[in-house]
Amino acid sequence: MVELQIVVAPSVLERLRTEDEAFLVELQRRYTGRLTFKSELHRHPESFCIADGQTGKILYSVGEAKTV
C-alpha cells in the first residue's frame, strides 16, 4: 500500500476536507493507498509537497512556504 503525506496551505486543507473529501476517499479506495494531509501556516496556497508517508522523504515539491 502506498502512503503519501501532502503538505498544503491551511486554506487548501479546508477545501480538501469539505468540497473534495468524497473524491479523495474514492481515490484512496481505488488505488489502495493512504493519503494524509498536513497544513503549514506560512505555505502559499499554490505551494505543496508530497512526501513518502513512511520515511518522510520529499517525492515532489512545488513552491515554498511564505516567509514571515
N, C-alpha and C. Protein backbone atom coordinates (compact mmCIF):
# COMPACT_ATOMS: atom_id res chain seq x y z
N MET A 1 0.84 -1.18 0.00
CA MET A 1 0.00 0.00 0.00
C MET A 1 0.89 1.24 0.00
N VAL A 2 0.53 2.20 -0.80
CA VAL A 2 1.26 3.46 -0.88
C VAL A 2 0.74 4.40 0.19
N GLU A 3 1.66 5.02 0.93
CA GLU A 3 1.28 6.02 1.93
C GLU A 3 1.97 7.32 1.57
N LEU A 4 1.17 8.36 1.36
CA LEU A 4 1.70 9.66 1.00
C LEU A 4 1.21 10.72 1.99
N GLN A 5 2.10 11.66 2.29
CA GLN A 5 1.71 12.81 3.12
C GLN A 5 1.81 14.04 2.22
N ILE A 6 0.73 14.81 2.17
CA ILE A 6 0.68 16.00 1.34
C ILE A 6 0.63 17.21 2.27
N VAL A 7 1.55 18.15 2.04
CA VAL A 7 1.63 19.36 2.87
C VAL A 7 1.13 20.53 2.04
N VAL A 8 0.12 21.24 2.57
CA VAL A 8 -0.53 22.32 1.84
C VAL A 8 -0.78 23.50 2.78
N ALA A 9 -1.26 24.59 2.21
CA ALA A 9 -1.66 25.76 2.99
C ALA A 9 -2.97 25.46 3.73
N PRO A 10 -3.22 26.14 4.85
CA PRO A 10 -4.46 25.90 5.60
C PRO A 10 -5.74 26.07 4.77
N SER A 11 -5.78 27.05 3.90
CA SER A 11 -6.99 27.26 3.08
C SER A 11 -7.22 26.10 2.12
N VAL A 12 -6.15 25.52 1.62
CA VAL A 12 -6.25 24.38 0.72
C VAL A 12 -6.73 23.15 1.50
N LEU A 13 -6.19 22.96 2.69
CA LEU A 13 -6.61 21.84 3.52
C LEU A 13 -8.10 21.93 3.85
N GLU A 14 -8.59 23.12 4.13
CA GLU A 14 -10.01 23.29 4.42
C GLU A 14 -10.86 22.87 3.23
N ARG A 15 -10.46 23.24 2.04
CA ARG A 15 -11.20 22.84 0.85
C ARG A 15 -11.17 21.33 0.67
N LEU A 16 -9.99 20.72 0.88
CA LEU A 16 -9.88 19.27 0.74
C LEU A 16 -10.79 18.54 1.73
N ARG A 17 -10.95 19.10 2.90
CA ARG A 17 -11.80 18.47 3.93
C ARG A 17 -13.29 18.64 3.65
N THR A 18 -13.63 19.63 2.86
CA THR A 18 -15.05 19.90 2.62
C THR A 18 -15.44 19.51 1.20
N GLU A 19 -15.12 20.35 0.24
CA GLU A 19 -15.57 20.15 -1.13
C GLU A 19 -14.99 18.91 -1.81
N ASP A 20 -13.78 18.54 -1.48
CA ASP A 20 -13.11 17.46 -2.21
C ASP A 20 -13.01 16.15 -1.43
N GLU A 21 -13.60 16.07 -0.28
CA GLU A 21 -13.44 14.90 0.58
C GLU A 21 -13.89 13.60 -0.10
N ALA A 22 -15.05 13.58 -0.71
CA ALA A 22 -15.57 12.36 -1.34
C ALA A 22 -14.63 11.87 -2.45
N PHE A 23 -14.11 12.80 -3.22
CA PHE A 23 -13.18 12.44 -4.29
C PHE A 23 -11.92 11.79 -3.72
N LEU A 24 -11.38 12.36 -2.65
CA LEU A 24 -10.15 11.82 -2.05
C LEU A 24 -10.37 10.44 -1.43
N VAL A 25 -11.52 10.24 -0.82
CA VAL A 25 -11.84 8.92 -0.25
C VAL A 25 -11.91 7.89 -1.37
N GLU A 26 -12.56 8.23 -2.47
CA GLU A 26 -12.66 7.32 -3.61
C GLU A 26 -11.28 7.04 -4.21
N LEU A 27 -10.46 8.05 -4.32
CA LEU A 27 -9.11 7.89 -4.85
C LEU A 27 -8.30 6.90 -4.01
N GLN A 28 -8.38 7.03 -2.70
CA GLN A 28 -7.67 6.11 -1.80
C GLN A 28 -8.20 4.68 -1.94
N ARG A 29 -9.51 4.55 -2.06
CA ARG A 29 -10.10 3.22 -2.20
C ARG A 29 -9.69 2.57 -3.51
N ARG A 30 -9.76 3.33 -4.57
CA ARG A 30 -9.48 2.80 -5.91
C ARG A 30 -8.02 2.36 -6.06
N TYR A 31 -7.11 3.10 -5.47
CA TYR A 31 -5.68 2.80 -5.65
C TYR A 31 -5.04 2.18 -4.41
N THR A 32 -5.82 1.70 -3.50
CA THR A 32 -5.34 1.08 -2.26
C THR A 32 -4.17 1.83 -1.65
N GLY A 33 -4.39 3.08 -1.41
CA GLY A 33 -3.36 3.90 -0.80
C GLY A 33 -3.91 4.67 0.38
N ARG A 34 -3.02 5.36 1.03
CA ARG A 34 -3.44 6.18 2.17
C ARG A 34 -2.84 7.56 2.00
N LEU A 35 -3.69 8.57 2.04
CA LEU A 35 -3.25 9.95 1.94
C LEU A 35 -3.45 10.62 3.29
N THR A 36 -2.43 11.30 3.77
CA THR A 36 -2.59 12.12 4.96
C THR A 36 -2.22 13.54 4.57
N PHE A 37 -2.89 14.48 5.18
CA PHE A 37 -2.69 15.89 4.84
C PHE A 37 -2.25 16.66 6.06
N LYS A 38 -1.37 17.59 5.82
CA LYS A 38 -0.84 18.44 6.89
C LYS A 38 -0.82 19.86 6.34
N SER A 39 -1.17 20.82 7.17
CA SER A 39 -1.10 22.21 6.71
C SER A 39 0.06 22.91 7.42
N GLU A 40 0.65 23.85 6.69
CA GLU A 40 1.70 24.71 7.24
C GLU A 40 1.20 26.13 7.12
N LEU A 41 1.17 26.82 8.24
CA LEU A 41 0.59 28.15 8.34
C LEU A 41 1.13 29.12 7.29
N HIS A 42 2.40 29.09 7.02
CA HIS A 42 3.00 30.08 6.12
C HIS A 42 3.23 29.57 4.70
N ARG A 43 2.59 28.48 4.35
CA ARG A 43 2.74 27.93 2.99
C ARG A 43 1.78 28.69 2.06
N HIS A 44 2.28 29.06 0.90
CA HIS A 44 1.48 29.74 -0.12
C HIS A 44 0.44 28.75 -0.65
N PRO A 45 -0.78 29.21 -0.95
CA PRO A 45 -1.84 28.31 -1.44
C PRO A 45 -1.48 27.54 -2.72
N GLU A 46 -0.58 28.05 -3.52
CA GLU A 46 -0.20 27.34 -4.75
C GLU A 46 1.02 26.44 -4.54
N SER A 47 1.50 26.38 -3.32
CA SER A 47 2.67 25.57 -2.99
C SER A 47 2.23 24.31 -2.25
N PHE A 48 2.87 23.19 -2.57
CA PHE A 48 2.59 21.95 -1.86
C PHE A 48 3.77 21.01 -1.99
N CYS A 49 3.82 20.00 -1.14
CA CYS A 49 4.82 18.96 -1.32
C CYS A 49 4.18 17.62 -0.99
N ILE A 50 4.72 16.60 -1.61
CA ILE A 50 4.26 15.23 -1.40
C ILE A 50 5.44 14.43 -0.87
N ALA A 51 5.23 13.78 0.27
CA ALA A 51 6.31 13.01 0.90
C ALA A 51 5.88 11.57 1.09
N ASP A 52 6.86 10.68 1.15
CA ASP A 52 6.62 9.28 1.48
C ASP A 52 6.08 9.25 2.91
N GLY A 53 4.93 8.64 3.10
CA GLY A 53 4.29 8.61 4.41
C GLY A 53 5.05 7.83 5.46
N GLN A 54 5.93 6.94 5.05
CA GLN A 54 6.69 6.13 6.00
C GLN A 54 8.05 6.72 6.32
N THR A 55 8.74 7.25 5.31
CA THR A 55 10.09 7.75 5.52
C THR A 55 10.17 9.26 5.67
N GLY A 56 9.16 9.98 5.17
CA GLY A 56 9.19 11.44 5.20
C GLY A 56 9.99 12.06 4.06
N LYS A 57 10.56 11.23 3.19
CA LYS A 57 11.35 11.73 2.07
C LYS A 57 10.44 12.48 1.10
N ILE A 58 10.86 13.70 0.71
CA ILE A 58 10.09 14.51 -0.22
C ILE A 58 10.18 13.88 -1.61
N LEU A 59 9.01 13.57 -2.18
CA LEU A 59 8.94 12.96 -3.51
C LEU A 59 8.71 14.01 -4.60
N TYR A 60 7.98 15.06 -4.24
CA TYR A 60 7.65 16.10 -5.20
C TYR A 60 7.33 17.37 -4.43
N SER A 61 7.77 18.50 -4.95
CA SER A 61 7.53 19.77 -4.26
C SER A 61 7.37 20.88 -5.28
N VAL A 62 6.42 21.76 -5.02
CA VAL A 62 6.18 22.94 -5.87
C VAL A 62 6.10 24.15 -4.95
N GLY A 63 6.88 25.17 -5.23
CA GLY A 63 6.85 26.38 -4.43
C GLY A 63 7.49 26.18 -3.07
N GLU A 64 7.34 27.20 -2.24
CA GLU A 64 7.91 27.16 -0.89
C GLU A 64 6.94 27.78 0.09
N ALA A 65 7.24 27.60 1.35
CA ALA A 65 6.46 28.27 2.39
C ALA A 65 6.72 29.77 2.31
N LYS A 66 5.72 30.59 2.62
CA LYS A 66 5.90 32.04 2.62
C LYS A 66 6.84 32.42 3.75
N THR A 67 7.64 33.44 3.52
CA THR A 67 8.48 33.94 4.59
C THR A 67 7.68 34.86 5.48
N VAL A 68 8.01 34.88 6.74
CA VAL A 68 7.27 35.70 7.71
C VAL A 68 7.92 37.04 7.86
